[in-house]
Amino acid sequence: MEQQKIIDEINYYRAQILTRLLFENDLITAGECDKLTELNRASFSPSLADLLPKTLEKSRTQS
């Protein structure tokens, strides 16, 4: 894997952690979290994007 791809993977992971923290602390809505996830995927193009969930799990949004 080339160096830039590895950097993109790390940046995607970090962006998703921040996105999830914003949601879990009620600073953004579930819809905003899903939109940020889409933007993170478009920005960083993670290799395993097809295997990752596209939206929040239903159980988490209902709590």
N, C-alpha and C. Protein backbone atom coordinates (compact mmCIF):
# COMPACT_ATOMS: atom_id res chain seq x y z
N MET A 1 0.85 -1.17 0.00
CA MET A 1 0.00 0.00 0.00
C MET A 1 0.90 1.24 0.00
N GLU A 2 0.61 2.16 -0.87
CA GLU A 2 1.46 3.35 -0.96
C GLU A 2 1.24 4.27 0.24
N GLN A 3 2.21 5.12 0.50
CA GLN A 3 2.20 5.97 1.68
C GLN A 3 0.97 6.89 1.75
N GLN A 4 0.59 7.52 0.65
CA GLN A 4 -0.57 8.42 0.67
C GLN A 4 -1.85 7.68 1.00
N LYS A 5 -1.99 6.46 0.53
CA LYS A 5 -3.18 5.66 0.82
C LYS A 5 -3.25 5.34 2.32
N ILE A 6 -2.12 5.05 2.91
CA ILE A 6 -2.08 4.78 4.35
C ILE A 6 -2.46 6.03 5.13
N ILE A 7 -1.95 7.17 4.71
CA ILE A 7 -2.29 8.44 5.36
C ILE A 7 -3.78 8.72 5.24
N ASP A 8 -4.36 8.45 4.06
CA ASP A 8 -5.80 8.64 3.87
C ASP A 8 -6.61 7.73 4.79
N GLU A 9 -6.17 6.49 4.93
CA GLU A 9 -6.86 5.55 5.83
C GLU A 9 -6.85 6.07 7.27
N ILE A 10 -5.71 6.53 7.72
CA ILE A 10 -5.58 7.06 9.08
C ILE A 10 -6.45 8.30 9.26
N ASN A 11 -6.41 9.19 8.29
CA ASN A 11 -7.22 10.41 8.37
C ASN A 11 -8.71 10.11 8.37
N TYR A 12 -9.12 9.12 7.59
CA TYR A 12 -10.52 8.71 7.59
C TYR A 12 -10.91 8.19 8.97
N TYR A 13 -10.09 7.34 9.53
CA TYR A 13 -10.37 6.77 10.84
C TYR A 13 -10.49 7.88 11.88
N ARG A 14 -9.58 8.84 11.86
CA ARG A 14 -9.61 9.95 12.81
C ARG A 14 -10.85 10.81 12.61
N ALA A 15 -11.21 11.09 11.37
CA ALA A 15 -12.40 11.89 11.09
C ALA A 15 -13.66 11.18 11.59
N GLN A 16 -13.70 9.87 11.45
CA GLN A 16 -14.86 9.12 11.91
C GLN A 16 -14.94 9.10 13.43
N ILE A 17 -13.82 9.04 14.09
CA ILE A 17 -13.82 9.09 15.56
C ILE A 17 -14.40 10.43 16.01
N LEU A 18 -13.95 11.51 15.39
CA LEU A 18 -14.47 12.84 15.74
C LEU A 18 -15.96 12.97 15.43
N THR A 19 -16.36 12.44 14.29
CA THR A 19 -17.77 12.48 13.91
C THR A 19 -18.62 11.74 14.93
N ARG A 20 -18.16 10.57 15.32
CA ARG A 20 -18.90 9.75 16.29
C ARG A 20 -18.97 10.45 17.65
N LEU A 21 -17.86 11.08 18.07
CA LEU A 21 -17.85 11.81 19.34
C LEU A 21 -18.82 12.98 19.32
N LEU A 22 -18.88 13.70 18.21
CA LEU A 22 -19.83 14.80 18.09
C LEU A 22 -21.26 14.29 18.26
N PHE A 23 -21.56 13.16 17.62
CA PHE A 23 -22.89 12.58 17.72
C PHE A 23 -23.19 12.09 19.14
N GLU A 24 -22.26 11.37 19.72
CA GLU A 24 -22.47 10.81 21.05
C GLU A 24 -22.62 11.88 22.12
N ASN A 25 -22.07 13.06 21.88
CA ASN A 25 -22.19 14.16 22.83
C ASN A 25 -23.32 15.12 22.44
N ASP A 26 -24.20 14.65 21.56
CA ASP A 26 -25.38 15.40 21.13
C ASP A 26 -25.06 16.77 20.53
N LEU A 27 -23.92 16.86 19.85
CA LEU A 27 -23.55 18.11 19.19
C LEU A 27 -24.00 18.13 17.73
N ILE A 28 -24.29 16.93 17.18
CA ILE A 28 -24.85 16.81 15.83
C ILE A 28 -25.94 15.74 15.87
N THR A 29 -26.84 15.80 14.89
CA THR A 29 -27.92 14.82 14.81
C THR A 29 -27.43 13.56 14.08
N ALA A 30 -28.26 12.53 14.11
CA ALA A 30 -27.93 11.29 13.40
C ALA A 30 -27.80 11.56 11.90
N GLY A 31 -28.67 12.39 11.36
CA GLY A 31 -28.59 12.73 9.94
C GLY A 31 -27.31 13.47 9.60
N GLU A 32 -26.90 14.38 10.46
CA GLU A 32 -25.64 15.10 10.25
C GLU A 32 -24.45 14.15 10.36
N CYS A 33 -24.54 13.20 11.28
CA CYS A 33 -23.48 12.20 11.43
C CYS A 33 -23.35 11.37 10.16
N ASP A 34 -24.49 10.94 9.61
CA ASP A 34 -24.47 10.16 8.37
C ASP A 34 -23.90 10.98 7.22
N LYS A 35 -24.27 12.25 7.15
CA LYS A 35 -23.76 13.12 6.09
C LYS A 35 -22.25 13.31 6.22
N LEU A 36 -21.76 13.51 7.44
CA LEU A 36 -20.31 13.63 7.65
C LEU A 36 -19.59 12.34 7.28
N THR A 37 -20.21 11.20 7.56
CA THR A 37 -19.61 9.92 7.18
C THR A 37 -19.46 9.84 5.67
N GLU A 38 -20.49 10.26 4.95
CA GLU A 38 -20.42 10.29 3.48
C GLU A 38 -19.30 11.21 3.01
N LEU A 39 -19.21 12.39 3.61
CA LEU A 39 -18.17 13.35 3.22
C LEU A 39 -16.77 12.82 3.56
N ASN A 40 -16.65 12.15 4.69
CA ASN A 40 -15.35 11.56 5.07
C ASN A 40 -14.93 10.50 4.06
N ARG A 41 -15.88 9.68 3.63
CA ARG A 41 -15.56 8.65 2.62
C ARG A 41 -15.15 9.28 1.30
N ALA A 42 -15.84 10.35 0.90
CA ALA A 42 -15.50 11.02 -0.36
C ALA A 42 -14.14 11.71 -0.26
N SER A 43 -13.83 12.26 0.89
CA SER A 43 -12.57 12.98 1.07
C SER A 43 -11.37 12.06 1.17
N PHE A 44 -11.52 10.97 1.91
CA PHE A 44 -10.37 10.11 2.21
C PHE A 44 -10.36 8.80 1.46
N SER A 45 -11.45 8.40 0.83
CA SER A 45 -11.54 7.17 0.04
C SER A 45 -10.91 5.96 0.72
N PRO A 46 -11.44 5.55 1.87
CA PRO A 46 -10.86 4.38 2.54
C PRO A 46 -11.00 3.13 1.68
N SER A 47 -10.00 2.27 1.73
CA SER A 47 -9.98 1.04 0.91
C SER A 47 -11.15 0.11 1.22
N LEU A 48 -11.55 0.05 2.46
CA LEU A 48 -12.58 -0.89 2.88
C LEU A 48 -13.94 -0.22 3.01
N ALA A 49 -14.17 0.89 2.34
CA ALA A 49 -15.42 1.65 2.48
C ALA A 49 -16.65 0.80 2.22
N ASP A 50 -16.59 -0.13 1.29
CA ASP A 50 -17.75 -0.96 0.97
C ASP A 50 -18.11 -1.90 2.11
N LEU A 51 -17.17 -2.19 2.99
CA LEU A 51 -17.43 -3.10 4.11
C LEU A 51 -17.92 -2.36 5.35
N LEU A 52 -17.74 -1.05 5.38
CA LEU A 52 -18.11 -0.25 6.55
C LEU A 52 -19.57 0.15 6.48
N PRO A 53 -20.22 0.31 7.65
CA PRO A 53 -21.62 0.73 7.64
C PRO A 53 -21.76 2.13 7.04
N LYS A 54 -22.81 2.35 6.27
CA LYS A 54 -23.01 3.64 5.61
C LYS A 54 -23.73 4.63 6.52
N THR A 55 -24.50 4.14 7.48
CA THR A 55 -25.23 5.00 8.41
C THR A 55 -25.08 4.46 9.82
N LEU A 56 -25.57 5.21 10.78
CA LEU A 56 -25.55 4.75 12.16
C LEU A 56 -26.42 3.52 12.32
N GLU A 57 -26.07 2.67 13.28
CA GLU A 57 -26.90 1.51 13.54
C GLU A 57 -28.24 1.99 14.11
N LYS A 58 -29.30 1.28 13.77
CA LYS A 58 -30.64 1.65 14.23
C LYS A 58 -30.72 1.70 15.75
N SER A 59 -30.08 0.76 16.44
CA SER A 59 -30.17 0.70 17.90
C SER A 59 -29.54 1.95 18.53
N ARG A 60 -28.51 2.49 17.94
CA ARG A 60 -27.85 3.67 18.50
C ARG A 60 -28.71 4.92 18.31
N THR A 61 -29.40 5.04 17.19
CA THR A 61 -30.20 6.23 16.93
C THR A 61 -31.47 6.25 17.77
N GLN A 62 -31.90 5.09 18.28
CA GLN A 62 -33.12 5.04 19.06
C GLN A 62 -32.86 5.32 20.53
N SER A 63 -31.59 5.30 21.00
CA SER A 63 -31.31 5.52 22.41
C SER A 63 -31.34 6.97 22.78
